Amino acid sequence: VPPPEFIPKLHKICKHRGISLVVDEVKVGFGRTGKFFAIEHSNVTPDVISMAKPMDSRLPLSAVVGRGEIMDAAIAAHLFTSSAHPVSCVASLATINIILRDKIHERAARVGDYILKRLNEIREKHQLIGDVRGKGMILGAELVKDPKAKTPATFEAACLVYRAFELGLLVTYVGTYSNVIEITPPLTVSSEDVEKALEIFEKAVDDLEKDRIDKEKVRRFAGW
């Protein structure tokens, strides 16, 4: 999560130097962060926005939206494999209408704040978790070997993902050192499922810290 001033300053530099500001909303758009588009948190208007996955509830569709002088700069300069399918377009309109009608983005902000609060409570009890962060319902728990040095706990993250899977929770790890557990539940997740997921997550962390995980199982996966 960038500092609040980062994107506004980047936007200012881009405008000063005549550079287009292009933002990627493929994963974080359509309510995920508590705003309809994540860029809204920064109060800047980008020149181009790319979007896809959540815009039509996972049917094949993508889009690029931008200022007219950019989008019309060349004829047929931008072609997309997943663009303009009529069924996907209808699904996208329905998805957008439901997000706005039911204020799903506002709910994502509230539920995300609660999950972040609970993750911080879990962090206080487990040294393996060096930091938790996020906006809305895209959150991360950074695993470290040493809470002071913040040494990335890469293999431990793989073990935690595997143990959570055994217990019934699907999460993944991301980040430069593959040591951040990504938590991105469905925007429609129930309160009961949130509580269950947090219970499983803490149990997996506890099992990892107390060496109750068969690490040899994890080592068999080349992808780890």
C-alpha atoms as a PDB file:
ATOM      1  CA  VAL A   1       0.000   0.000   0.000  1.00  0.00           C
ATOM      2  CA  PRO A   2       1.694   3.231  -1.080  1.00  0.00           C
ATOM      3  CA  PRO A   3       1.858   6.234   1.271  1.00  0.00           C
ATOM      4  CA  PRO A   4      -1.139   8.576   0.787  1.00  0.00           C
ATOM      5  CA  GLU A   5       1.005  11.237  -0.870  1.00  0.00           C
ATOM      6  CA  PHE A   6       2.724   8.904  -3.360  1.00  0.00           C
ATOM      7  CA  ILE A   7       0.215   8.798  -6.228  1.00  0.00           C
ATOM      8  CA  PRO A   8      -0.714  12.524  -6.031  1.00  0.00           C
ATOM      9  CA  LYS A   9       3.000  13.395  -6.267  1.00  0.00           C
ATOM     10  CA  LEU A  10       3.465  10.914  -9.112  1.00  0.00           C
ATOM     11  CA  HIS A  11       0.484  12.466 -10.886  1.00  0.00           C
ATOM     12  CA  LYS A  12       2.022  15.924 -10.478  1.00  0.00           C
ATOM     13  CA  ILE A  13       5.349  14.748 -11.939  1.00  0.00           C
ATOM     14  CA  CYS A  14       3.560  13.107 -14.877  1.00  0.00           C
ATOM     15  CA  LYS A  15       1.609  16.270 -15.669  1.00  0.00           C
ATOM     16  CA  HIS A  16       4.725  18.421 -15.396  1.00  0.00           C
ATOM     17  CA  ARG A  17       6.677  16.207 -17.806  1.00  0.00           C
ATOM     18  CA  GLY A  18       3.841  15.400 -20.196  1.00  0.00           C
ATOM     19  CA  ILE A  19       3.666  11.728 -19.217  1.00  0.00           C
ATOM     20  CA  SER A  20       0.367   9.838 -19.249  1.00  0.00           C
ATOM     21  CA  LEU A  21      -0.633   8.321 -15.921  1.00  0.00           C
ATOM     22  CA  VAL A  22      -1.962   4.804 -16.565  1.00  0.00           C
ATOM     23  CA  VAL A  23      -3.475   2.868 -13.657  1.00  0.00           C
ATOM     24  CA  ASP A  24      -4.164  -0.859 -13.502  1.00  0.00           C
ATOM     25  CA  GLU A  25      -7.555  -1.596 -11.921  1.00  0.00           C
ATOM     26  CA  VAL A  26      -7.748  -5.182 -13.213  1.00  0.00           C
ATOM     27  CA  LYS A  27      -7.579  -6.629  -9.708  1.00  0.00           C
ATOM     28  CA  VAL A  28      -8.459  -3.736  -7.416  1.00  0.00           C
ATOM     29  CA  GLY A  29     -11.281  -2.066  -9.331  1.00  0.00           C
ATOM     30  CA  PHE A  30     -15.056  -2.402  -8.996  1.00  0.00           C
ATOM     31  CA  GLY A  31     -15.292  -2.039  -5.235  1.00  0.00           C
ATOM     32  CA  ARG A  32     -12.454  -4.241  -3.986  1.00  0.00           C
ATOM     33  CA  THR A  33     -10.674  -1.485  -2.008  1.00  0.00           C
ATOM     34  CA  GLY A  34     -13.790   0.201  -0.641  1.00  0.00           C
ATOM     35  CA  LYS A  35     -14.018   2.645  -3.544  1.00  0.00           C
ATOM     36  CA  PHE A  36     -15.390   1.815  -6.979  1.00  0.00           C
ATOM     37  CA  PHE A  37     -11.876   2.338  -8.371  1.00  0.00           C
ATOM     38  CA  ALA A  38      -8.793   2.144  -6.152  1.00  0.00           C
ATOM     39  CA  ILE A  39      -7.382   5.330  -7.699  1.00  0.00           C
ATOM     40  CA  GLU A  40     -10.226   7.248  -6.021  1.00  0.00           C
ATOM     41  CA  HIS A  41      -8.384   6.926  -2.698  1.00  0.00           C
ATOM     42  CA  SER A  42      -5.753   9.292  -4.128  1.00  0.00           C
ATOM     43  CA  ASN A  43      -8.166  11.947  -5.444  1.00  0.00           C
ATOM     44  CA  VAL A  44      -6.470  12.120  -8.840  1.00  0.00           C
ATOM     45  CA  THR A  45      -7.855  11.546 -12.331  1.00  0.00           C
ATOM     46  CA  PRO A  46      -5.609   9.251 -14.387  1.00  0.00           C
ATOM     47  CA  ASP A  47      -5.224   9.478 -18.145  1.00  0.00           C
ATOM     48  CA  VAL A  48      -5.941   5.782 -18.746  1.00  0.00           C
ATOM     49  CA  ILE A  49      -7.508   2.977 -16.681  1.00  0.00           C
ATOM     50  CA  SER A  50      -7.231  -0.718 -17.530  1.00  0.00           C
ATOM     51  CA  MET A  51      -9.879  -3.054 -16.132  1.00  0.00           C
ATOM     52  CA  ALA A  52     -10.977  -6.671 -16.452  1.00  0.00           C
ATOM     53  CA  LYS A  53     -11.606  -9.524 -13.986  1.00  0.00           C
ATOM     54  CA  PRO A  54     -14.298  -8.198 -11.605  1.00  0.00           C
ATOM     55  CA  MET A  55     -16.093  -5.996 -14.121  1.00  0.00           C
ATOM     56  CA  ASP A  56     -18.475  -8.745 -15.233  1.00  0.00           C
ATOM     57  CA  SER A  57     -18.313 -11.329 -12.451  1.00  0.00           C
ATOM     58  CA  ARG A  58     -15.578 -13.326 -14.187  1.00  0.00           C
ATOM     59  CA  LEU A  59     -16.883 -13.772 -17.729  1.00  0.00           C
ATOM     60  CA  PRO A  60     -14.247 -12.987 -20.397  1.00  0.00           C
ATOM     61  CA  LEU A  61     -14.149  -9.206 -20.745  1.00  0.00           C
ATOM     62  CA  SER A  62     -11.581  -6.443 -20.510  1.00  0.00           C
ATOM     63  CA  ALA A  63     -11.538  -2.725 -21.209  1.00  0.00           C
ATOM     64  CA  VAL A  64      -9.281   0.282 -21.415  1.00  0.00           C
ATOM     65  CA  VAL A  65     -10.805   3.676 -20.672  1.00  0.00           C
ATOM     66  CA  GLY A  66      -8.955   6.906 -21.263  1.00  0.00           C
ATOM     67  CA  ARG A  67      -8.983  10.479 -22.438  1.00  0.00           C
ATOM     68  CA  GLY A  68     -10.235  10.898 -25.992  1.00  0.00           C
ATOM     69  CA  GLU A  69      -7.002  12.289 -27.402  1.00  0.00           C
ATOM     70  CA  ILE A  70      -5.175   9.181 -26.184  1.00  0.00           C
ATOM     71  CA  MET A  71      -7.744   6.575 -27.193  1.00  0.00           C
ATOM     72  CA  ASP A  72      -8.231   8.147 -30.638  1.00  0.00           C
ATOM     73  CA  ALA A  73      -4.527   8.691 -31.308  1.00  0.00           C
ATOM     74  CA  ALA A  74      -4.370   5.880 -33.874  1.00  0.00           C
ATOM     75  CA  ILE A  75      -6.873   3.738 -35.752  1.00  0.00           C
ATOM     76  CA  ALA A  76      -7.073   0.111 -34.518  1.00  0.00           C
ATOM     77  CA  ALA A  77      -4.005   0.598 -32.346  1.00  0.00           C
ATOM     78  CA  HIS A  78      -5.561  -1.179 -29.392  1.00  0.00           C
ATOM     79  CA  LEU A  79      -7.167  -4.589 -29.856  1.00  0.00           C
ATOM     80  CA  PHE A  80      -8.126  -6.886 -26.979  1.00  0.00           C
ATOM     81  CA  THR A  81      -8.753 -10.615 -26.925  1.00  0.00           C
ATOM     82  CA  SER A  82     -11.515 -10.329 -24.313  1.00  0.00           C
ATOM     83  CA  SER A  83     -13.298  -7.208 -25.529  1.00  0.00           C
ATOM     84  CA  ALA A  84     -16.863  -6.514 -26.639  1.00  0.00           C
ATOM     85  CA  HIS A  85     -18.440  -9.972 -26.286  1.00  0.00           C
ATOM     86  CA  PRO A  86     -22.180  -9.185 -26.069  1.00  0.00           C
ATOM     87  CA  VAL A  87     -22.985 -11.656 -23.268  1.00  0.00           C
ATOM     88  CA  SER A  88     -20.023 -10.428 -21.215  1.00  0.00           C
ATOM     89  CA  CYS A  89     -21.055  -6.810 -21.805  1.00  0.00           C
ATOM     90  CA  VAL A  90     -24.574  -7.511 -20.507  1.00  0.00           C
ATOM     91  CA  ALA A  91     -23.068  -9.277 -17.480  1.00  0.00           C
ATOM     92  CA  SER A  92     -20.804  -6.287 -16.870  1.00  0.00           C
ATOM     93  CA  LEU A  93     -23.700  -3.834 -16.910  1.00  0.00           C
ATOM     94  CA  ALA A  94     -25.591  -6.044 -14.450  1.00  0.00           C
ATOM     95  CA  THR A  95     -22.521  -6.347 -12.205  1.00  0.00           C
ATOM     96  CA  ILE A  96     -21.949  -2.590 -12.146  1.00  0.00           C
ATOM     97  CA  ASN A  97     -25.627  -1.910 -11.416  1.00  0.00           C
ATOM     98  CA  ILE A  98     -25.628  -4.363  -8.494  1.00  0.00           C
ATOM     99  CA  ILE A  99     -22.405  -2.936  -7.037  1.00  0.00           C
ATOM    100  CA  LEU A 100     -23.874   0.565  -7.087  1.00  0.00           C
ATOM    101  CA  ARG A 101     -27.407  -0.454  -6.068  1.00  0.00           C
ATOM    102  CA  ASP A 102     -26.313  -2.557  -3.099  1.00  0.00           C
ATOM    103  CA  LYS A 103     -23.342  -0.315  -2.236  1.00  0.00           C
ATOM    104  CA  ILE A 104     -21.061  -3.344  -2.279  1.00  0.00           C
ATOM    105  CA  HIS A 105     -17.977  -1.127  -2.372  1.00  0.00           C
ATOM    106  CA  GLU A 106     -19.079   0.559   0.864  1.00  0.00           C
ATOM    107  CA  ARG A 107     -19.608  -2.828   2.488  1.00  0.00           C
ATOM    108  CA  ALA A 108     -16.140  -3.877   1.298  1.00  0.00           C
ATOM    109  CA  ALA A 109     -14.703  -0.900   3.182  1.00  0.00           C
ATOM    110  CA  ARG A 110     -16.510  -1.841   6.403  1.00  0.00           C
ATOM    111  CA  VAL A 111     -15.759  -5.565   6.236  1.00  0.00           C
ATOM    112  CA  GLY A 112     -12.174  -4.860   5.202  1.00  0.00           C
ATOM    113  CA  ASP A 113     -11.658  -2.569   8.197  1.00  0.00           C
ATOM    114  CA  TYR A 114     -12.931  -5.334  10.465  1.00  0.00           C
ATOM    115  CA  ILE A 115     -10.660  -7.969   8.904  1.00  0.00           C
ATOM    116  CA  LEU A 116      -7.681  -5.610   9.190  1.00  0.00           C
ATOM    117  CA  LYS A 117      -8.498  -4.992  12.859  1.00  0.00           C
ATOM    118  CA  ARG A 118      -8.689  -8.735  13.545  1.00  0.00           C
ATOM    119  CA  LEU A 119      -5.470  -9.396  11.637  1.00  0.00           C
ATOM    120  CA  ASN A 120      -3.709  -6.808  13.788  1.00  0.00           C
ATOM    121  CA  GLU A 121      -5.019  -8.560  16.889  1.00  0.00           C
ATOM    122  CA  ILE A 122      -3.626 -11.846  15.562  1.00  0.00           C
ATOM    123  CA  ARG A 123      -0.319 -10.143  14.715  1.00  0.00           C
ATOM    124  CA  GLU A 124       0.084  -8.981  18.312  1.00  0.00           C
ATOM    125  CA  LYS A 125       0.005 -12.619  19.457  1.00  0.00           C
ATOM    126  CA  HIS A 126       2.310 -14.076  16.804  1.00  0.00           C
ATOM    127  CA  GLN A 127       5.850 -12.903  16.072  1.00  0.00           C
ATOM    128  CA  LEU A 128       5.744 -14.619  12.688  1.00  0.00           C
ATOM    129  CA  ILE A 129       3.502 -11.811  11.406  1.00  0.00           C
ATOM    130  CA  GLY A 130       5.631  -8.724  10.929  1.00  0.00           C
ATOM    131  CA  ASP A 131       3.003  -6.459   9.399  1.00  0.00           C
ATOM    132  CA  VAL A 132      -0.572  -6.385   8.121  1.00  0.00           C
ATOM    133  CA  ARG A 133      -1.866  -3.853   5.628  1.00  0.00           C
ATOM    134  CA  GLY A 134      -4.429  -3.244   2.936  1.00  0.00           C
ATOM    135  CA  LYS A 135      -7.470  -1.297   1.812  1.00  0.00           C
ATOM    136  CA  GLY A 136     -10.988  -2.631   1.773  1.00  0.00           C
ATOM    137  CA  MET A 137     -11.006  -6.334   1.010  1.00  0.00           C
ATOM    138  CA  ILE A 138      -7.526  -6.689  -0.428  1.00  0.00           C
ATOM    139  CA  LEU A 139      -5.212  -7.290   2.503  1.00  0.00           C
ATOM    140  CA  GLY A 140      -1.827  -8.777   3.234  1.00  0.00           C
ATOM    141  CA  ALA A 141      -0.085 -10.341   6.215  1.00  0.00           C
ATOM    142  CA  GLU A 142       3.709 -10.175   5.912  1.00  0.00           C
ATOM    143  CA  LEU A 143       5.558 -13.109   7.466  1.00  0.00           C
ATOM    144  CA  VAL A 144       9.028 -12.568   8.925  1.00  0.00           C
ATOM    145  CA  LYS A 145      11.603 -14.781  10.623  1.00  0.00           C
ATOM    146  CA  ASP A 146      12.753 -11.986  12.913  1.00  0.00           C
ATOM    147  CA  PRO A 147      10.287  -9.280  14.034  1.00  0.00           C
ATOM    148  CA  LYS A 148      13.081  -6.728  14.422  1.00  0.00           C
ATOM    149  CA  ALA A 149      15.135  -7.430  11.303  1.00  0.00           C
ATOM    150  CA  LYS A 150      11.975  -8.171   9.257  1.00  0.00           C
ATOM    151  CA  THR A 151      13.771 -11.030   7.474  1.00  0.00           C
ATOM    152  CA  PRO A 152      11.305 -12.435   4.905  1.00  0.00           C
ATOM    153  CA  ALA A 153       9.856 -15.816   5.906  1.00  0.00           C
ATOM    154  CA  THR A 154       9.443 -17.177   2.387  1.00  0.00           C
ATOM    155  CA  PHE A 155       9.265 -20.916   3.036  1.00  0.00           C
ATOM    156  CA  GLU A 156       7.135 -20.319   6.112  1.00  0.00           C
ATOM    157  CA  ALA A 157       4.618 -18.476   3.924  1.00  0.00           C
ATOM    158  CA  ALA A 158       4.344 -21.543   1.683  1.00  0.00           C
ATOM    159  CA  CYS A 159       3.846 -23.728   4.757  1.00  0.00           C
ATOM    160  CA  LEU A 160       1.123 -21.419   6.050  1.00  0.00           C
ATOM    161  CA  VAL A 161      -0.713 -21.470   2.721  1.00  0.00           C
ATOM    162  CA  TYR A 162      -0.557 -25.272   2.676  1.00  0.00           C
ATOM    163  CA  ARG A 163      -1.745 -25.616   6.278  1.00  0.00           C
ATOM    164  CA  ALA A 164      -4.608 -23.188   5.690  1.00  0.00           C
ATOM    165  CA  PHE A 165      -5.603 -25.298   2.678  1.00  0.00           C
ATOM    166  CA  GLU A 166      -5.627 -28.427   4.849  1.00  0.00           C
ATOM    167  CA  LEU A 167      -7.900 -26.644   7.310  1.00  0.00           C
ATOM    168  CA  GLY A 168     -10.289 -25.424   4.606  1.00  0.00           C
ATOM    169  CA  LEU A 169      -9.093 -21.904   3.755  1.00  0.00           C
ATOM    170  CA  LEU A 170      -7.706 -20.836   0.378  1.00  0.00           C
ATOM    171  CA  VAL A 171      -5.101 -18.067   0.464  1.00  0.00           C
ATOM    172  CA  THR A 172      -1.974 -17.422  -1.546  1.00  0.00           C
ATOM    173  CA  TYR A 173       1.328 -15.649  -1.087  1.00  0.00           C
ATOM    174  CA  VAL A 174       2.640 -12.676  -3.041  1.00  0.00           C
ATOM    175  CA  GLY A 175       5.329 -10.023  -2.799  1.00  0.00           C
ATOM    176  CA  THR A 176       8.933  -9.590  -3.860  1.00  0.00           C
ATOM    177  CA  TYR A 177      10.036 -12.302  -1.428  1.00  0.00           C
ATOM    178  CA  SER A 178       6.843 -14.406  -1.630  1.00  0.00           C
ATOM    179  CA  ASN A 179       6.273 -13.854   2.080  1.00  0.00           C
ATOM    180  CA  VAL A 180       3.021 -11.870   2.117  1.00  0.00           C
ATOM    181  CA  ILE A 181      -0.198 -13.827   2.581  1.00  0.00           C
ATOM    182  CA  GLU A 182      -2.808 -12.262   0.315  1.00  0.00           C
ATOM    183  CA  ILE A 183      -6.343 -12.136   1.684  1.00  0.00           C
ATOM    184  CA  THR A 184      -8.928 -11.236  -0.961  1.00  0.00           C
ATOM    185  CA  PRO A 185     -12.308 -12.740  -0.050  1.00  0.00           C
ATOM    186  CA  PRO A 186     -15.381 -12.347  -2.264  1.00  0.00           C
ATOM    187  CA  LEU A 187     -17.009  -8.950  -1.823  1.00  0.00           C
ATOM    188  CA  THR A 188     -20.222 -10.787  -0.932  1.00  0.00           C
ATOM    189  CA  VAL A 189     -18.619 -12.920   1.794  1.00  0.00           C
ATOM    190  CA  SER A 190     -20.839 -13.429   4.829  1.00  0.00           C
ATOM    191  CA  SER A 191     -19.893 -12.328   8.340  1.00  0.00           C
ATOM    192  CA  GLU A 192     -19.948 -15.974   9.419  1.00  0.00           C
ATOM    193  CA  ASP A 193     -17.459 -16.962   6.719  1.00  0.00           C
ATOM    194  CA  VAL A 194     -15.199 -14.048   7.656  1.00  0.00           C
ATOM    195  CA  GLU A 195     -15.059 -15.252  11.255  1.00  0.00           C
ATOM    196  CA  LYS A 196     -14.428 -18.850  10.177  1.00  0.00           C
ATOM    197  CA  ALA A 197     -11.651 -17.778   7.813  1.00  0.00           C
ATOM    198  CA  LEU A 198      -9.942 -15.715  10.509  1.00  0.00           C
ATOM    199  CA  GLU A 199     -10.147 -18.642  12.939  1.00  0.00           C
ATOM    200  CA  ILE A 200      -8.530 -20.954  10.390  1.00  0.00           C
ATOM    201  CA  PHE A 201      -5.873 -18.379   9.543  1.00  0.00           C
ATOM    202  CA  GLU A 202      -4.872 -17.963  13.178  1.00  0.00           C
ATOM    203  CA  LYS A 203      -4.886 -21.740  13.692  1.00  0.00           C
ATOM    204  CA  ALA A 204      -2.564 -22.139  10.689  1.00  0.00           C
ATOM    205  CA  VAL A 205      -0.214 -19.460  12.069  1.00  0.00           C
ATOM    206  CA  ASP A 206      -0.221 -21.138  15.475  1.00  0.00           C
ATOM    207  CA  ASP A 207       0.451 -24.567  13.949  1.00  0.00           C
ATOM    208  CA  LEU A 208       3.352 -23.135  11.964  1.00  0.00           C
ATOM    209  CA  GLU A 209       4.940 -21.441  14.964  1.00  0.00           C
ATOM    210  CA  LYS A 210       4.575 -24.618  17.042  1.00  0.00           C
ATOM    211  CA  ASP A 211       5.996 -26.804  14.258  1.00  0.00           C
ATOM    212  CA  ARG A 212       2.793 -28.791  13.776  1.00  0.00           C
ATOM    213  CA  ILE A 213       3.056 -28.753   9.969  1.00  0.00           C
ATOM    214  CA  ASP A 214       4.571 -31.503   7.821  1.00  0.00           C
ATOM    215  CA  LYS A 215       7.068 -29.306   5.971  1.00  0.00           C
ATOM    216  CA  GLU A 216       8.222 -32.196   3.795  1.00  0.00           C
ATOM    217  CA  LYS A 217       4.829 -32.105   2.089  1.00  0.00           C
ATOM    218  CA  VAL A 218       5.430 -28.487   1.159  1.00  0.00           C
ATOM    219  CA  ARG A 219       8.935 -29.158  -0.173  1.00  0.00           C
ATOM    220  CA  ARG A 220       7.519 -31.603  -2.735  1.00  0.00           C
ATOM    221  CA  PHE A 221       5.897 -28.763  -4.627  1.00  0.00           C
ATOM    222  CA  ALA A 222       8.354 -27.325  -7.137  1.00  0.00           C
ATOM    223  CA  GLY A 223       6.286 -24.159  -7.328  1.00  0.00           C
ATOM    224  CA  TRP A 224       6.995 -23.320  -3.710  1.00  0.00           C
END
